[in-house]
Amino acid sequence: MKKDIILLGIESSCDETSAAVVTNGRRVLSNIIATQVKLHAEYGGVVPEIASRKHVELIIPVIDKAIKEAGITLNDVDAISVTYGPGLVGTLLVGISAAKAIAFSLDKPLIAVNHIEGHIAANYISSPELEPPFICLVASGGHSHIVHVKGYRDFAVLGRTRDDAAGEAFDKIARVLGLGYPGGPAIEKEAVSGNPEAFSFPRVKFSDVPYDFSFSGLKTAVINTVHQFEQKRMPVPVADICASFQNAVVDVLVGNTLSAALEYKSNVICIAGGVAANSALRKRMSEKCLKNGISLYYPPVSLCTDNAAMVASAAYFYYIDEKWSANDLNAVPGLKLNENGI
């Protein structure tokens, strides 16, 4: 019988401290996530220095808990995987330092993982039958990408945001409306009772790179609308603004992704990242895929936000090809997809 490959994953790219144990890239034995949402909520967003300090406090207990919950010891692990970018440099370094120390002390391979690849790989965990090729929309607080996943380690970025990421726009609009942080769930909740056609907010389309995104103009239009109501001393129709804003974002995300799938003749679309948890996005994408005979995959909400299981899943495909990292691995906060260098 072929031996299972057991990987320890570590994720600390932003404000989640996470460690997970995954076998063969698809079966999760443990996935521990310590979130800092409440810690940063009073600031309306993540404060990098505070996040880094909290990661230092949490990283070892989280790893210990992941190993214990998986029912193994560190010696049973075949390799240590860790996010090394993109993300906040200080928070990335905490996870990388822990991973390098464990790998060195146990004489185990170290595998560096691109955070965006991790989000894509979350779909392999929730849908073990899924295999490339497919088109994947990765939408989160820091990223908005349309990726042609040609193979497990072969990616072509077809489109990306030219300014704000989708999740970043959600956070900023929520802050203006006084809805708190994180903005995505707050806006989605308000949008349920709002009219998505109440305001005609802009949808940006580029002729040169048709799958690129831009949410800065949409964000400005929404903020100006809020200010107009405030200047006239009129009640701000929060629910209608949230519904109309969300509708505009979903229109663009779904439209660009579907167009890419049709052009590249892909009969499979995946969505990933924090924004993939949005029910309006899932519903609209499901409807469009059904209409066009395209299969749709997306992870459960627990695997949409940052987590270490997705890191270990992505790392598996590097492990089996012996694409391991050196012990001088460093954080690359601006890392691009397909720039792994390993």
C-alpha atoms as a PDB file:
ATOM      1  CA  MET A   1       0.000   0.000   0.000  1.00  0.00           C
ATOM      2  CA  LYS A   2       1.247   3.453  -0.936  1.00  0.00           C
ATOM      3  CA  LYS A   3       2.150   5.622   2.060  1.00  0.00           C
ATOM      4  CA  ASP A   4       0.063   8.718   2.711  1.00  0.00           C
ATOM      5  CA  ILE A   5       2.000  11.970   2.419  1.00  0.00           C
ATOM      6  CA  ILE A   6       1.419  14.023   5.570  1.00  0.00           C
ATOM      7  CA  LEU A   7       2.035  17.758   5.341  1.00  0.00           C
ATOM      8  CA  LEU A   8       1.988  20.382   8.062  1.00  0.00           C
ATOM      9  CA  GLY A   9       0.756  23.727   6.731  1.00  0.00           C
ATOM     10  CA  ILE A  10       1.325  27.129   8.328  1.00  0.00           C
ATOM     11  CA  GLU A  11      -0.490  30.331   7.322  1.00  0.00           C
ATOM     12  CA  SER A  12       0.176  33.825   8.727  1.00  0.00           C
ATOM     13  CA  SER A  13      -0.101  36.176   5.746  1.00  0.00           C
ATOM     14  CA  CYS A  14      -2.515  38.623   7.397  1.00  0.00           C
ATOM     15  CA  ASP A  15      -4.632  38.350  10.554  1.00  0.00           C
ATOM     16  CA  GLU A  16      -5.278  34.607  10.846  1.00  0.00           C
ATOM     17  CA  THR A  17      -2.786  32.362  12.613  1.00  0.00           C
ATOM     18  CA  SER A  18      -3.396  28.896  11.240  1.00  0.00           C
ATOM     19  CA  ALA A  19      -1.819  25.452  11.211  1.00  0.00           C
ATOM     20  CA  ALA A  20      -3.183  22.307   9.586  1.00  0.00           C
ATOM     21  CA  VAL A  21      -2.313  18.700   8.875  1.00  0.00           C
ATOM     22  CA  VAL A  22      -3.377  17.384   5.461  1.00  0.00           C
ATOM     23  CA  THR A  23      -2.745  14.030   3.780  1.00  0.00           C
ATOM     24  CA  ASN A  24      -2.201  13.697   0.030  1.00  0.00           C
ATOM     25  CA  GLY A  25      -3.307  17.266  -0.595  1.00  0.00           C
ATOM     26  CA  ARG A  26      -6.987  16.528  -0.061  1.00  0.00           C
ATOM     27  CA  ARG A  27      -7.821  15.005   3.324  1.00  0.00           C
ATOM     28  CA  VAL A  28      -7.759  17.355   6.315  1.00  0.00           C
ATOM     29  CA  LEU A  29      -6.780  15.833   9.659  1.00  0.00           C
ATOM     30  CA  SER A  30      -6.819  19.191  11.440  1.00  0.00           C
ATOM     31  CA  ASN A  31      -7.181  22.854  10.542  1.00  0.00           C
ATOM     32  CA  ILE A  32      -6.748  25.269  13.438  1.00  0.00           C
ATOM     33  CA  ILE A  33      -7.479  28.958  12.845  1.00  0.00           C
ATOM     34  CA  ALA A  34      -6.964  31.680  15.441  1.00  0.00           C
ATOM     35  CA  THR A  35      -8.548  34.850  14.090  1.00  0.00           C
ATOM     36  CA  GLN A  36      -7.702  38.419  15.066  1.00  0.00           C
ATOM     37  CA  VAL A  37     -10.930  39.984  13.729  1.00  0.00           C
ATOM     38  CA  LYS A  38     -12.083  41.336  17.096  1.00  0.00           C
ATOM     39  CA  LEU A  39      -8.615  42.699  17.833  1.00  0.00           C
ATOM     40  CA  HIS A  40      -8.561  44.803  14.648  1.00  0.00           C
ATOM     41  CA  ALA A  41     -12.268  45.685  14.501  1.00  0.00           C
ATOM     42  CA  GLU A  42     -11.857  48.852  16.571  1.00  0.00           C
ATOM     43  CA  TYR A  43      -9.352  50.158  14.006  1.00  0.00           C
ATOM     44  CA  GLY A  44     -11.579  49.391  11.018  1.00  0.00           C
ATOM     45  CA  GLY A  45      -8.975  47.110   9.454  1.00  0.00           C
ATOM     46  CA  VAL A  46      -5.798  45.143  10.056  1.00  0.00           C
ATOM     47  CA  VAL A  47      -2.955  46.962  11.820  1.00  0.00           C
ATOM     48  CA  PRO A  48       0.220  45.193  10.601  1.00  0.00           C
ATOM     49  CA  GLU A  49       2.343  45.646  13.739  1.00  0.00           C
ATOM     50  CA  ILE A  50      -0.442  44.460  16.032  1.00  0.00           C
ATOM     51  CA  ALA A  51      -1.088  41.489  13.757  1.00  0.00           C
ATOM     52  CA  SER A  52       2.592  40.499  13.753  1.00  0.00           C
ATOM     53  CA  ARG A  53       2.834  40.614  17.546  1.00  0.00           C
ATOM     54  CA  LYS A  54      -0.299  38.498  17.910  1.00  0.00           C
ATOM     55  CA  HIS A  55       1.068  35.910  15.478  1.00  0.00           C
ATOM     56  CA  VAL A  56       4.209  35.607  17.632  1.00  0.00           C
ATOM     57  CA  GLU A  57       1.994  34.904  20.627  1.00  0.00           C
ATOM     58  CA  LEU A  58      -0.229  32.364  18.856  1.00  0.00           C
ATOM     59  CA  ILE A  59       1.930  30.498  16.341  1.00  0.00           C
ATOM     60  CA  ILE A  60       3.370  27.750  18.577  1.00  0.00           C
ATOM     61  CA  PRO A  61       0.133  26.976  20.481  1.00  0.00           C
ATOM     62  CA  VAL A  62      -1.763  26.800  17.159  1.00  0.00           C
ATOM     63  CA  ILE A  63       0.795  24.406  15.643  1.00  0.00           C
ATOM     64  CA  ASP A  64       0.749  22.250  18.774  1.00  0.00           C
ATOM     65  CA  LYS A  65      -3.036  22.078  18.665  1.00  0.00           C
ATOM     66  CA  ALA A  66      -3.055  21.123  14.985  1.00  0.00           C
ATOM     67  CA  ILE A  67      -0.612  18.270  15.579  1.00  0.00           C
ATOM     68  CA  LYS A  68      -2.549  17.040  18.606  1.00  0.00           C
ATOM     69  CA  GLU A  69      -5.931  17.195  16.880  1.00  0.00           C
ATOM     70  CA  ALA A  70      -4.537  15.287  13.896  1.00  0.00           C
ATOM     71  CA  GLY A  71      -3.491  12.481  16.231  1.00  0.00           C
ATOM     72  CA  ILE A  72       0.117  12.456  15.072  1.00  0.00           C
ATOM     73  CA  THR A  73       3.518  13.698  16.187  1.00  0.00           C
ATOM     74  CA  LEU A  74       5.791  16.123  14.366  1.00  0.00           C
ATOM     75  CA  ASN A  75       8.026  13.188  13.452  1.00  0.00           C
ATOM     76  CA  ASP A  76       5.158  11.727  11.417  1.00  0.00           C
ATOM     77  CA  VAL A  77       5.070  14.779   9.149  1.00  0.00           C
ATOM     78  CA  ASP A  78       6.757  14.377   5.750  1.00  0.00           C
ATOM     79  CA  ALA A  79       7.279  18.098   5.093  1.00  0.00           C
ATOM     80  CA  ILE A  80       6.569  21.560   6.474  1.00  0.00           C
ATOM     81  CA  SER A  81       4.759  24.026   4.217  1.00  0.00           C
ATOM     82  CA  VAL A  82       4.265  27.732   4.777  1.00  0.00           C
ATOM     83  CA  THR A  83       2.864  30.801   3.039  1.00  0.00           C
ATOM     84  CA  TYR A  84       5.724  33.108   2.017  1.00  0.00           C
ATOM     85  CA  GLY A  85       3.755  35.677   0.035  1.00  0.00           C
ATOM     86  CA  PRO A  86       1.871  37.709  -0.887  1.00  0.00           C
ATOM     87  CA  GLY A  87       0.885  39.300   2.408  1.00  0.00           C
ATOM     88  CA  LEU A  88       2.128  41.555   5.194  1.00  0.00           C
ATOM     89  CA  VAL A  89       5.886  41.182   5.540  1.00  0.00           C
ATOM     90  CA  GLY A  90       5.900  41.122   9.342  1.00  0.00           C
ATOM     91  CA  THR A  91       3.157  38.549   9.670  1.00  0.00           C
ATOM     92  CA  LEU A  92       4.616  36.354   6.925  1.00  0.00           C
ATOM     93  CA  LEU A  93       7.970  36.275   8.714  1.00  0.00           C
ATOM     94  CA  VAL A  94       6.402  34.835  11.858  1.00  0.00           C
ATOM     95  CA  GLY A  95       5.035  31.817  10.015  1.00  0.00           C
ATOM     96  CA  ILE A  96       8.177  31.395   7.920  1.00  0.00           C
ATOM     97  CA  SER A  97      10.426  31.504  11.003  1.00  0.00           C
ATOM     98  CA  ALA A  98       8.370  28.815  12.723  1.00  0.00           C
ATOM     99  CA  ALA A  99       8.301  26.620   9.606  1.00  0.00           C
ATOM    100  CA  LYS A 100      12.050  26.924   9.015  1.00  0.00           C
ATOM    101  CA  ALA A 101      12.829  26.111  12.641  1.00  0.00           C
ATOM    102  CA  ILE A 102      10.642  22.989  12.612  1.00  0.00           C
ATOM    103  CA  ALA A 103      11.943  21.808   9.231  1.00  0.00           C
ATOM    104  CA  PHE A 104      15.575  22.317  10.280  1.00  0.00           C
ATOM    105  CA  SER A 105      15.191  20.648  13.678  1.00  0.00           C
ATOM    106  CA  LEU A 106      13.448  17.598  12.197  1.00  0.00           C
ATOM    107  CA  ASP A 107      15.521  17.510   8.978  1.00  0.00           C
ATOM    108  CA  LYS A 108      12.294  17.628   6.940  1.00  0.00           C
ATOM    109  CA  PRO A 109      11.708  19.332   3.573  1.00  0.00           C
ATOM    110  CA  LEU A 110      10.496  22.937   3.628  1.00  0.00           C
ATOM    111  CA  ILE A 111       7.951  23.960   0.993  1.00  0.00           C
ATOM    112  CA  ALA A 112       7.121  27.591   0.212  1.00  0.00           C
ATOM    113  CA  VAL A 113       3.561  28.241  -0.920  1.00  0.00           C
ATOM    114  CA  ASN A 114       2.081  31.177  -2.805  1.00  0.00           C
ATOM    115  CA  HIS A 115      -0.985  32.369  -0.870  1.00  0.00           C
ATOM    116  CA  ILE A 116      -3.062  32.674  -4.064  1.00  0.00           C
ATOM    117  CA  GLU A 117      -2.210  29.087  -5.012  1.00  0.00           C
ATOM    118  CA  GLY A 118      -3.410  28.122  -1.565  1.00  0.00           C
ATOM    119  CA  HIS A 119      -6.824  29.662  -2.153  1.00  0.00           C
ATOM    120  CA  ILE A 120      -7.129  27.788  -5.458  1.00  0.00           C
ATOM    121  CA  ALA A 121      -6.133  24.518  -3.769  1.00  0.00           C
ATOM    122  CA  ALA A 122      -8.909  24.876  -1.182  1.00  0.00           C
ATOM    123  CA  ASN A 123     -11.188  23.502  -3.893  1.00  0.00           C
ATOM    124  CA  TYR A 124      -9.224  20.232  -3.986  1.00  0.00           C
ATOM    125  CA  ILE A 125     -10.049  19.687  -0.328  1.00  0.00           C
ATOM    126  CA  SER A 126     -13.796  20.276  -0.646  1.00  0.00           C
ATOM    127  CA  SER A 127     -14.018  18.515  -4.035  1.00  0.00           C
ATOM    128  CA  PRO A 128     -11.438  15.693  -4.108  1.00  0.00           C
ATOM    129  CA  GLU A 129     -12.534  14.677  -7.607  1.00  0.00           C
ATOM    130  CA  LEU A 130     -11.575  18.088  -9.037  1.00  0.00           C
ATOM    131  CA  GLU A 131      -8.581  18.180 -11.368  1.00  0.00           C
ATOM    132  CA  PRO A 132      -7.124  20.872 -13.658  1.00  0.00           C
ATOM    133  CA  PRO A 133      -7.633  22.421 -16.114  1.00  0.00           C
ATOM    134  CA  PHE A 134     -10.239  24.989 -15.051  1.00  0.00           C
ATOM    135  CA  ILE A 135     -10.848  28.722 -14.680  1.00  0.00           C
ATOM    136  CA  CYS A 136     -10.643  30.052 -11.124  1.00  0.00           C
ATOM    137  CA  LEU A 137     -11.798  33.370  -9.702  1.00  0.00           C
ATOM    138  CA  VAL A 138      -9.733  34.258  -6.623  1.00  0.00           C
ATOM    139  CA  ALA A 139     -11.392  37.172  -4.810  1.00  0.00           C
ATOM    140  CA  SER A 140     -10.422  38.309  -1.330  1.00  0.00           C
ATOM    141  CA  GLY A 141      -9.440  41.343   0.713  1.00  0.00           C
ATOM    142  CA  GLY A 142      -6.105  41.598  -1.050  1.00  0.00           C
ATOM    143  CA  HIS A 143      -6.604  39.837  -4.371  1.00  0.00           C
ATOM    144  CA  SER A 144      -8.909  39.734  -7.380  1.00  0.00           C
ATOM    145  CA  HIS A 145      -7.585  37.345 -10.028  1.00  0.00           C
ATOM    146  CA  ILE A 146      -8.976  35.276 -12.850  1.00  0.00           C
ATOM    147  CA  VAL A 147      -6.595  32.361 -13.262  1.00  0.00           C
ATOM    148  CA  HIS A 148      -6.386  29.686 -15.930  1.00  0.00           C
ATOM    149  CA  VAL A 149      -5.323  26.678 -13.874  1.00  0.00           C
ATOM    150  CA  LYS A 150      -3.631  24.528 -16.506  1.00  0.00           C
ATOM    151  CA  GLY A 151      -2.110  22.077 -14.037  1.00  0.00           C
ATOM    152  CA  TYR A 152      -1.517  21.702 -10.309  1.00  0.00           C
ATOM    153  CA  ARG A 153       1.560  23.934 -10.586  1.00  0.00           C
ATOM    154  CA  ASP A 154       0.849  25.624 -13.913  1.00  0.00           C
ATOM    155  CA  PHE A 155      -1.060  28.918 -13.853  1.00  0.00           C
ATOM    156  CA  ALA A 156      -1.797  31.754 -16.249  1.00  0.00           C
ATOM    157  CA  VAL A 157      -3.264  34.962 -14.828  1.00  0.00           C
ATOM    158  CA  LEU A 158      -5.885  36.193 -17.290  1.00  0.00           C
ATOM    159  CA  GLY A 159      -7.029  39.195 -15.274  1.00  0.00           C
ATOM    160  CA  ARG A 160      -6.324  41.012 -12.032  1.00  0.00           C
ATOM    161  CA  THR A 161      -7.449  44.147 -10.247  1.00  0.00           C
ATOM    162  CA  ARG A 162      -5.802  47.390 -11.285  1.00  0.00           C
ATOM    163  CA  ASP A 163      -6.540  49.085  -7.960  1.00  0.00           C
ATOM    164  CA  ASP A 164      -8.708  47.887  -5.061  1.00  0.00           C
ATOM    165  CA  ALA A 165      -9.384  44.194  -4.593  1.00  0.00           C
ATOM    166  CA  ALA A 166     -13.051  43.203  -4.305  1.00  0.00           C
ATOM    167  CA  GLY A 167     -12.819  42.423  -0.601  1.00  0.00           C
ATOM    168  CA  GLU A 168     -10.939  45.652   0.029  1.00  0.00           C
ATOM    169  CA  ALA A 169     -13.788  47.594  -1.597  1.00  0.00           C
ATOM    170  CA  PHE A 170     -16.294  45.810   0.652  1.00  0.00           C
ATOM    171  CA  ASP A 171     -14.274  46.798   3.736  1.00  0.00           C
ATOM    172  CA  LYS A 172     -13.967  50.443   2.704  1.00  0.00           C
ATOM    173  CA  ILE A 173     -17.651  50.840   1.895  1.00  0.00           C
ATOM    174  CA  ALA A 174     -18.626  49.178   5.173  1.00  0.00           C
ATOM    175  CA  ARG A 175     -16.381  51.621   7.030  1.00  0.00           C
ATOM    176  CA  VAL A 176     -18.034  54.618   5.339  1.00  0.00           C
ATOM    177  CA  LEU A 177     -21.470  53.248   6.223  1.00  0.00           C
ATOM    178  CA  GLY A 178     -20.456  52.592   9.823  1.00  0.00           C
ATOM    179  CA  LEU A 179     -20.982  48.838   9.532  1.00  0.00           C
ATOM    180  CA  GLY A 180     -17.687  47.802  11.084  1.00  0.00           C
ATOM    181  CA  TYR A 181     -14.990  45.305  10.114  1.00  0.00           C
ATOM    182  CA  PRO A 182     -14.853  42.933   8.290  1.00  0.00           C
ATOM    183  CA  GLY A 183     -16.991  44.595   5.661  1.00  0.00           C
ATOM    184  CA  GLY A 184     -17.997  41.657   3.473  1.00  0.00           C
ATOM    185  CA  PRO A 185     -20.335  39.872   5.902  1.00  0.00           C
ATOM    186  CA  ALA A 186     -21.734  43.197   7.177  1.00  0.00           C
ATOM    187  CA  ILE A 187     -22.644  44.444   3.691  1.00  0.00           C
ATOM    188  CA  GLU A 188     -24.073  41.068   2.679  1.00  0.00           C
ATOM    189  CA  LYS A 189     -26.319  41.104   5.754  1.00  0.00           C
ATOM    190  CA  GLU A 190     -27.614  44.618   5.034  1.00  0.00           C
ATOM    191  CA  ALA A 191     -28.079  43.858   1.328  1.00  0.00           C
ATOM    192  CA  VAL A 192     -30.661  41.166   2.075  1.00  0.00           C
ATOM    193  CA  SER A 193     -33.299  43.811   2.845  1.00  0.00           C
ATOM    194  CA  GLY A 194     -32.162  46.258   0.152  1.00  0.00           C
ATOM    195  CA  ASN A 195     -33.014  46.869  -3.502  1.00  0.00           C
ATOM    196  CA  PRO A 196     -30.083  45.918  -5.759  1.00  0.00           C
ATOM    197  CA  GLU A 197     -31.477  48.176  -8.502  1.00  0.00           C
ATOM    198  CA  ALA A 198     -31.925  51.243  -6.267  1.00  0.00           C
ATOM    199  CA  PHE A 199     -28.664  52.824  -7.475  1.00  0.00           C
ATOM    200  CA  SER A 200     -26.904  52.384 -10.810  1.00  0.00           C
ATOM    201  CA  PHE A 201     -23.280  52.128  -9.729  1.00  0.00           C
ATOM    202  CA  PRO A 202     -20.563  51.800 -12.417  1.00  0.00           C
ATOM    203  CA  ARG A 203     -19.209  48.536 -13.805  1.00  0.00           C
ATOM    204  CA  VAL A 204     -15.751  48.980 -15.306  1.00  0.00           C
ATOM    205  CA  LYS A 205     -14.706  47.039 -18.416  1.00  0.00           C
ATOM    206  CA  PHE A 206     -11.309  47.289 -20.093  1.00  0.00           C
ATOM    207  CA  SER A 207     -10.841  46.808 -23.819  1.00  0.00           C
ATOM    208  CA  ASP A 208      -7.107  46.026 -23.701  1.00  0.00           C
ATOM    209  CA  VAL A 209      -7.248  43.388 -20.953  1.00  0.00           C
ATOM    210  CA  PRO A 210     -10.926  42.372 -20.818  1.00  0.00           C
ATOM    211  CA  TYR A 211     -10.630  40.255 -17.669  1.00  0.00           C
ATOM    212  CA  ASP A 212      -8.995  42.923 -15.485  1.00  0.00           C
ATOM    213  CA  PHE A 213     -10.952  44.469 -12.627  1.00  0.00           C
ATOM    214  CA  SER A 214     -11.215  47.982 -11.192  1.00  0.00           C
ATOM    215  CA  PHE A 215     -13.260  48.701  -8.093  1.00  0.00           C
ATOM    216  CA  SER A 216     -11.856  52.121  -7.200  1.00  0.00           C
ATOM    217  CA  GLY A 217     -14.385  54.029  -9.330  1.00  0.00           C
ATOM    218  CA  LEU A 218     -17.242  51.970  -7.923  1.00  0.00           C
ATOM    219  CA  LYS A 219     -16.014  52.663  -4.401  1.00  0.00           C
ATOM    220  CA  THR A 220     -15.837  56.417  -5.108  1.00  0.00           C
ATOM    221  CA  ALA A 221     -19.342  56.434  -6.612  1.00  0.00           C
ATOM    222  CA  VAL A 222     -20.771  54.754  -3.524  1.00  0.00           C
ATOM    223  CA  ILE A 223     -18.956  57.119  -1.156  1.00  0.00           C
ATOM    224  CA  ASN A 224     -20.186  60.142  -3.134  1.00  0.00           C
ATOM    225  CA  THR A 225     -23.744  58.827  -2.924  1.00  0.00           C
ATOM    226  CA  VAL A 226     -23.458  58.484   0.849  1.00  0.00           C
ATOM    227  CA  HIS A 227     -22.059  62.015   1.145  1.00  0.00           C
ATOM    228  CA  GLN A 228     -24.899  63.439  -0.954  1.00  0.00           C
ATOM    229  CA  PHE A 229     -27.471  62.066   1.461  1.00  0.00           C
ATOM    230  CA  GLU A 230     -25.481  63.323   4.438  1.00  0.00           C
ATOM    231  CA  GLN A 231     -25.064  66.814   2.940  1.00  0.00           C
ATOM    232  CA  LYS A 232     -28.812  67.035   2.361  1.00  0.00           C
ATOM    233  CA  ARG A 233     -29.359  65.864   5.940  1.00  0.00           C
ATOM    234  CA  MET A 234     -31.358  62.932   4.643  1.00  0.00           C
ATOM    235  CA  PRO A 235     -31.289  59.386   6.083  1.00  0.00           C
ATOM    236  CA  VAL A 236     -28.765  57.231   4.257  1.00  0.00           C
ATOM    237  CA  PRO A 237     -30.556  54.220   2.687  1.00  0.00           C
ATOM    238  CA  VAL A 238     -27.924  51.778   3.914  1.00  0.00           C
ATOM    239  CA  ALA A 239     -29.658  48.573   2.798  1.00  0.00           C
ATOM    240  CA  ASP A 240     -30.284  49.847  -0.744  1.00  0.00           C
ATOM    241  CA  ILE A 241     -26.722  51.144  -1.085  1.00  0.00           C
ATOM    242  CA  CYS A 242     -25.295  47.832   0.153  1.00  0.00           C
ATOM    243  CA  ALA A 243     -27.505  45.814  -2.183  1.00  0.00           C
ATOM    244  CA  SER A 244     -26.676  47.990  -5.196  1.00  0.00           C
ATOM    245  CA  PHE A 245     -22.949  48.002  -4.429  1.00  0.00           C
ATOM    246  CA  GLN A 246     -22.870  44.233  -3.940  1.00  0.00           C
ATOM    247  CA  ASN A 247     -24.847  43.777  -7.161  1.00  0.00           C
ATOM    248  CA  ALA A 248     -22.270  45.803  -9.105  1.00  0.00           C
ATOM    249  CA  VAL A 249     -19.320  43.844  -7.688  1.00  0.00           C
ATOM    250  CA  VAL A 250     -20.993  40.492  -8.365  1.00  0.00           C
ATOM    251  CA  ASP A 251     -21.899  41.544 -11.923  1.00  0.00           C
ATOM    252  CA  VAL A 252     -18.272  42.258 -12.754  1.00  0.00           C
ATOM    253  CA  LEU A 253     -16.796  39.230 -10.986  1.00  0.00           C
ATOM    254  CA  VAL A 254     -19.251  36.824 -12.593  1.00  0.00           C
ATOM    255  CA  GLY A 255     -19.219  38.484 -16.022  1.00  0.00           C
ATOM    256  CA  ASN A 256     -15.438  38.484 -16.379  1.00  0.00           C
ATOM    257  CA  THR A 257     -15.035  34.944 -15.059  1.00  0.00           C
ATOM    258  CA  LEU A 258     -17.730  33.514 -17.311  1.00  0.00           C
ATOM    259  CA  SER A 259     -16.309  35.306 -20.361  1.00  0.00           C
ATOM    260  CA  ALA A 260     -12.873  33.828 -19.623  1.00  0.00           C
ATOM    261  CA  ALA A 261     -14.316  30.331 -19.278  1.00  0.00           C
ATOM    262  CA  LEU A 262     -16.150  30.637 -22.577  1.00  0.00           C
ATOM    263  CA  GLU A 263     -13.118  32.002 -24.432  1.00  0.00           C
ATOM    264  CA  TYR A 264     -10.808  29.303 -23.078  1.00  0.00           C
ATOM    265  CA  LYS A 265     -13.471  26.627 -23.576  1.00  0.00           C
ATOM    266  CA  SER A 266     -13.383  25.560 -19.941  1.00  0.00           C
ATOM    267  CA  ASN A 267     -16.325  23.528 -18.713  1.00  0.00           C
ATOM    268  CA  VAL A 268     -15.283  24.047 -15.086  1.00  0.00           C
ATOM    269  CA  ILE A 269     -15.201  27.234 -12.993  1.00  0.00           C
ATOM    270  CA  CYS A 270     -13.940  27.444  -9.413  1.00  0.00           C
ATOM    271  CA  ILE A 271     -14.179  30.372  -7.030  1.00  0.00           C
ATOM    272  CA  ALA A 272     -11.949  30.903  -4.008  1.00  0.00           C
ATOM    273  CA  GLY A 273     -10.910  33.476  -1.413  1.00  0.00           C
ATOM    274  CA  GLY A 274     -12.856  35.361   1.238  1.00  0.00           C
ATOM    275  CA  VAL A 275     -15.284  36.965  -1.218  1.00  0.00           C
ATOM    276  CA  ALA A 276     -16.174  33.474  -2.468  1.00  0.00           C
ATOM    277  CA  ALA A 277     -18.144  33.126   0.786  1.00  0.00           C
ATOM    278  CA  ASN A 278     -20.596  35.777  -0.456  1.00  0.00           C
ATOM    279  CA  SER A 279     -23.978  34.124  -1.078  1.00  0.00           C
ATOM    280  CA  ALA A 280     -24.968  36.559  -3.839  1.00  0.00           C
ATOM    281  CA  LEU A 281     -21.780  35.734  -5.763  1.00  0.00           C
ATOM    282  CA  ARG A 282     -22.350  32.001  -5.343  1.00  0.00           C
ATOM    283  CA  LYS A 283     -25.986  32.275  -6.450  1.00  0.00           C
ATOM    284  CA  ARG A 284     -25.268  34.405  -9.533  1.00  0.00           C
ATOM    285  CA  MET A 285     -22.285  32.283 -10.575  1.00  0.00           C
ATOM    286  CA  SER A 286     -24.327  29.114 -10.121  1.00  0.00           C
ATOM    287  CA  GLU A 287     -27.122  30.465 -12.323  1.00  0.00           C
ATOM    288  CA  LYS A 288     -24.741  31.538 -15.093  1.00  0.00           C
ATOM    289  CA  CYS A 289     -22.803  28.275 -15.008  1.00  0.00           C
ATOM    290  CA  LEU A 290     -25.995  26.216 -15.150  1.00  0.00           C
ATOM    291  CA  LYS A 291     -27.211  28.238 -18.137  1.00  0.00           C
ATOM    292  CA  ASN A 292     -23.921  27.670 -19.980  1.00  0.00           C
ATOM    293  CA  GLY A 293     -23.390  24.014 -19.095  1.00  0.00           C
ATOM    294  CA  ILE A 294     -20.396  24.745 -16.867  1.00  0.00           C
ATOM    295  CA  SER A 295     -19.643  22.896 -13.617  1.00  0.00           C
ATOM    296  CA  LEU A 296     -19.061  25.164 -10.615  1.00  0.00           C
ATOM    297  CA  TYR A 297     -16.956  24.389  -7.553  1.00  0.00           C
ATOM    298  CA  TYR A 298     -16.400  26.448  -4.415  1.00  0.00           C
ATOM    299  CA  PRO A 299     -15.132  25.588  -0.913  1.00  0.00           C
ATOM    300  CA  PRO A 300     -17.158  25.847   2.300  1.00  0.00           C
ATOM    301  CA  VAL A 301     -16.919  29.205   4.053  1.00  0.00           C
ATOM    302  CA  SER A 302     -14.337  27.811   6.500  1.00  0.00           C
ATOM    303  CA  LEU A 303     -11.941  27.227   3.593  1.00  0.00           C
ATOM    304  CA  CYS A 304     -12.644  30.527   1.813  1.00  0.00           C
ATOM    305  CA  THR A 305     -10.956  32.663   4.450  1.00  0.00           C
ATOM    306  CA  ASP A 306      -7.224  32.307   5.144  1.00  0.00           C
ATOM    307  CA  ASN A 307      -6.366  28.873   6.537  1.00  0.00           C
ATOM    308  CA  ALA A 308      -3.447  26.477   6.641  1.00  0.00           C
ATOM    309  CA  ALA A 309      -5.245  23.477   5.135  1.00  0.00           C
ATOM    310  CA  MET A 310      -5.218  25.173   1.739  1.00  0.00           C
ATOM    311  CA  VAL A 311      -1.477  25.834   2.167  1.00  0.00           C
ATOM    312  CA  ALA A 312      -0.738  22.178   2.870  1.00  0.00           C
ATOM    313  CA  SER A 313      -2.954  21.121  -0.046  1.00  0.00           C
ATOM    314  CA  ALA A 314      -1.065  23.341  -2.500  1.00  0.00           C
ATOM    315  CA  ALA A 315       2.262  22.184  -1.065  1.00  0.00           C
ATOM    316  CA  TYR A 316       1.494  18.523  -1.772  1.00  0.00           C
ATOM    317  CA  PHE A 317       1.929  19.037  -5.511  1.00  0.00           C
ATOM    318  CA  TYR A 318       5.368  20.556  -4.899  1.00  0.00           C
ATOM    319  CA  TYR A 319       6.316  17.753  -2.538  1.00  0.00           C
ATOM    320  CA  ILE A 320       5.604  14.946  -4.987  1.00  0.00           C
ATOM    321  CA  ASP A 321       7.731  16.739  -7.594  1.00  0.00           C
ATOM    322  CA  GLU A 322      10.473  17.383  -5.000  1.00  0.00           C
ATOM    323  CA  LYS A 323      10.237  21.143  -5.471  1.00  0.00           C
ATOM    324  CA  TRP A 324      11.481  22.030  -2.028  1.00  0.00           C
ATOM    325  CA  SER A 325      12.759  25.310  -0.604  1.00  0.00           C
ATOM    326  CA  ALA A 326      16.103  26.253   0.878  1.00  0.00           C
ATOM    327  CA  ASN A 327      16.486  27.199   4.544  1.00  0.00           C
ATOM    328  CA  ASP A 328      17.208  30.801   3.563  1.00  0.00           C
ATOM    329  CA  LEU A 329      13.557  31.235   2.488  1.00  0.00           C
ATOM    330  CA  ASN A 330      12.367  34.800   3.024  1.00  0.00           C
ATOM    331  CA  ALA A 331       9.015  36.593   2.880  1.00  0.00           C
ATOM    332  CA  VAL A 332       7.963  38.095  -0.451  1.00  0.00           C
ATOM    333  CA  PRO A 333       5.055  40.443   0.390  1.00  0.00           C
ATOM    334  CA  GLY A 334       4.419  41.354  -3.261  1.00  0.00           C
ATOM    335  CA  LEU A 335       4.733  37.828  -4.654  1.00  0.00           C
ATOM    336  CA  LYS A 336       2.949  37.237  -7.960  1.00  0.00           C
ATOM    337  CA  LEU A 337       1.382  34.011  -9.081  1.00  0.00           C
ATOM    338  CA  ASN A 338       3.889  31.768 -10.901  1.00  0.00           C
ATOM    339  CA  GLU A 339       6.840  33.569  -9.321  1.00  0.00           C
ATOM    340  CA  ASN A 340       7.622  30.864  -6.794  1.00  0.00           C
ATOM    341  CA  GLY A 341      11.271  30.573  -7.717  1.00  0.00           C
ATOM    342  CA  ILE A 342      11.467  27.056  -6.258  1.00  0.00           C
END
